[in-house]
Amino acid sequence: MTDVLQLQFHPEPDGDMENVWFAYSLAYALVEGAAEILEVPSSDLSAMVAHIAQCPLPPLILYDNVPGGAGLVARLEEGEVLRACLEAAHARVRGNHGCDESTSCYGCLRSYRNQFAHQYLQRGPVMRYLDALLSHWQPGAVRQR
């Protein structure tokens, strides 16, 4: 048992990046952003992408990567905390680590745990998506189910 948070973003990403790999890139940016905001090691959090055919952008599943859960991702249900997480994720993919927008590095999206996706992770599309998302953020924009 652990804590799980499903995030569904409705704006479809622009560009020609395959949506599932865009979703993984966004998910790993959010894991790193959440770890920074929650002040925990990023290894305490993890992410996966749900594969649902009718969704233009697959849902992102963030979860505590500690036995029994620690309530970490549950804190992201608060609008202010989620916004701070998105801002930290955006800062991470802004390009301060030296990799090209069409790729990624260990300073922005890559980690040991996501080696399977390294060749597909791109920081540029995530940077532009988060920029647009944050610029249109409305207070109370988080809906819980």
Protein backbone atom coordinates (compact mmCIF):
# COMPACT_ATOMS: atom_id res chain seq x y z
CA MET A 1 0.00 0.00 0.00
CA THR A 2 1.18 3.48 -0.83
CA ASP A 3 -0.18 6.93 -1.60
CA VAL A 4 -1.08 7.55 -5.24
CA LEU A 5 -2.07 10.69 -7.12
CA GLN A 6 -3.43 10.67 -10.66
CA LEU A 7 -2.96 13.89 -12.61
CA GLN A 8 -4.85 14.49 -15.84
CA PHE A 9 -3.84 17.53 -17.87
CA HIS A 10 -6.31 18.51 -20.55
CA PRO A 11 -4.39 20.76 -22.94
CA GLU A 12 -2.86 18.56 -25.60
CA PRO A 13 0.87 19.17 -26.07
CA ASP A 14 2.02 20.92 -29.24
CA GLY A 15 4.69 19.49 -31.48
CA ASP A 16 5.45 16.12 -32.97
CA MET A 17 6.61 14.28 -29.86
CA GLU A 18 4.66 11.07 -29.27
CA ASN A 19 2.16 11.77 -26.45
CA VAL A 20 3.20 8.81 -24.30
CA TRP A 21 6.86 9.94 -24.27
CA PHE A 22 5.79 13.52 -23.68
CA ALA A 23 3.77 12.24 -20.70
CA TYR A 24 6.81 10.40 -19.33
CA SER A 25 8.94 13.53 -19.76
CA LEU A 26 6.34 15.61 -17.93
CA ALA A 27 5.95 12.96 -15.21
CA TYR A 28 9.68 12.87 -14.46
CA ALA A 29 9.85 16.67 -14.39
CA LEU A 30 7.00 16.62 -11.86
CA VAL A 31 8.73 13.98 -9.74
CA GLU A 32 11.83 16.15 -9.51
CA GLY A 33 9.78 19.29 -8.90
CA ALA A 34 7.71 17.59 -6.20
CA ALA A 35 10.82 16.24 -4.48
CA GLU A 36 12.24 19.75 -4.34
CA ILE A 37 9.04 21.31 -2.98
CA LEU A 38 8.37 18.50 -0.49
CA GLU A 39 12.05 18.52 0.54
CA VAL A 40 12.57 14.79 0.06
CA PRO A 41 14.97 12.79 -2.11
CA SER A 42 13.50 12.21 -5.58
CA SER A 43 13.96 8.47 -4.96
CA ASP A 44 11.09 8.74 -2.42
CA LEU A 45 8.71 9.48 -5.31
CA SER A 46 8.02 7.73 -8.57
CA ALA A 47 5.79 8.06 -11.61
CA MET A 48 4.15 6.04 -14.31
CA VAL A 49 1.96 6.84 -17.28
CA ALA A 50 -1.45 5.25 -17.71
CA HIS A 51 -2.24 4.17 -21.25
CA ILE A 52 -5.81 5.20 -22.04
CA ALA A 53 -6.65 5.32 -25.74
CA GLN A 54 -9.24 8.12 -25.62
CA CYS A 55 -7.02 10.58 -23.71
CA PRO A 56 -4.90 12.91 -25.86
CA LEU A 57 -2.45 13.18 -22.96
CA PRO A 58 -2.27 10.02 -20.86
CA PRO A 59 -2.89 10.43 -17.11
CA LEU A 60 0.22 10.67 -14.93
CA ILE A 61 0.37 8.56 -11.80
CA LEU A 62 2.66 9.86 -9.06
CA TYR A 63 3.21 7.71 -6.00
CA ASP A 64 5.24 7.48 -2.83
CA ASN A 65 8.12 5.11 -3.39
CA VAL A 66 8.46 4.23 0.28
CA PRO A 67 6.93 1.22 2.05
CA GLY A 68 3.42 1.96 3.28
CA GLY A 69 3.45 5.42 1.73
CA ALA A 70 4.40 8.57 3.55
CA GLY A 71 1.63 10.91 2.43
CA LEU A 72 4.03 12.76 0.13
CA VAL A 73 2.02 12.85 -3.09
CA ALA A 74 -1.16 13.47 -1.08
CA ARG A 75 0.25 16.91 -0.29
CA LEU A 76 0.15 17.73 -4.01
CA GLU A 77 -3.66 17.76 -3.85
CA GLU A 78 -3.39 21.25 -2.32
CA GLY A 79 -3.52 23.79 -5.16
CA GLU A 80 -0.68 25.95 -3.85
CA VAL A 81 1.61 22.93 -3.37
CA LEU A 82 0.79 21.58 -6.85
CA ARG A 83 1.49 24.97 -8.41
CA ALA A 84 4.83 25.17 -6.58
CA CYS A 85 5.63 21.68 -7.88
CA LEU A 86 4.81 22.75 -11.46
CA GLU A 87 6.99 25.85 -11.05
CA ALA A 88 9.90 23.77 -9.72
CA ALA A 89 9.48 21.30 -12.59
CA HIS A 90 9.44 24.21 -15.05
CA ALA A 91 12.63 25.64 -13.57
CA ARG A 92 14.27 22.22 -13.88
CA VAL A 93 13.58 21.93 -17.63
CA ARG A 94 14.32 25.57 -18.43
CA GLY A 95 17.77 24.70 -19.78
CA ASN A 96 20.27 25.54 -17.09
CA HIS A 97 21.94 22.13 -17.31
CA GLY A 98 23.38 22.34 -20.83
CA CYS A 99 21.39 19.71 -22.73
CA ASP A 100 19.51 20.47 -25.94
CA GLU A 101 15.73 20.96 -25.90
CA SER A 102 15.27 17.82 -27.99
CA THR A 103 16.98 15.64 -25.38
CA SER A 104 17.53 15.50 -21.63
CA CYS A 105 20.23 14.94 -19.05
CA TYR A 106 20.64 13.86 -15.44
CA GLY A 107 20.27 17.50 -14.40
CA CYS A 108 16.74 17.82 -15.76
CA LEU A 109 14.77 14.62 -16.47
CA ARG A 110 16.98 11.56 -16.39
CA SER A 111 17.60 9.28 -13.45
CA TYR A 112 18.77 5.75 -12.89
CA ARG A 113 15.16 4.65 -12.48
CA ASN A 114 14.02 5.89 -15.89
CA GLN A 115 16.81 4.48 -18.03
CA PHE A 116 14.25 2.70 -20.21
CA ALA A 117 13.06 6.09 -21.47
CA HIS A 118 16.28 8.13 -21.71
CA GLN A 119 16.32 8.18 -25.51
CA TYR A 120 12.74 9.55 -25.58
CA LEU A 121 12.80 12.14 -22.79
CA GLN A 122 12.83 15.74 -24.06
CA ARG A 123 12.93 18.80 -21.86
CA GLY A 124 11.95 21.42 -24.50
CA PRO A 125 8.35 20.32 -25.10
CA VAL A 126 7.80 20.00 -21.32
CA MET A 127 9.28 23.46 -20.74
CA ARG A 128 6.89 25.02 -23.28
CA TYR A 129 3.90 23.04 -21.96
CA LEU A 130 4.53 24.04 -18.35
CA ASP A 131 5.11 27.64 -19.41
CA ALA A 132 1.67 27.71 -21.08
CA LEU A 133 0.01 25.82 -18.22
CA LEU A 134 1.39 28.14 -15.56
CA SER A 135 0.57 31.29 -17.53
CA HIS A 136 -3.11 30.22 -17.65
CA TRP A 137 -3.28 28.93 -14.07
CA GLN A 138 -6.40 30.07 -12.26
CA PRO A 139 -6.71 29.94 -8.47
CA GLY A 140 -8.84 26.91 -7.66
CA ALA A 141 -7.84 25.23 -10.95
CA VAL A 142 -7.25 21.90 -9.20
CA ARG A 143 -10.28 19.62 -9.27
CA GLN A 144 -10.41 16.56 -7.09
CA ARG A 145 -12.40 13.46 -7.79
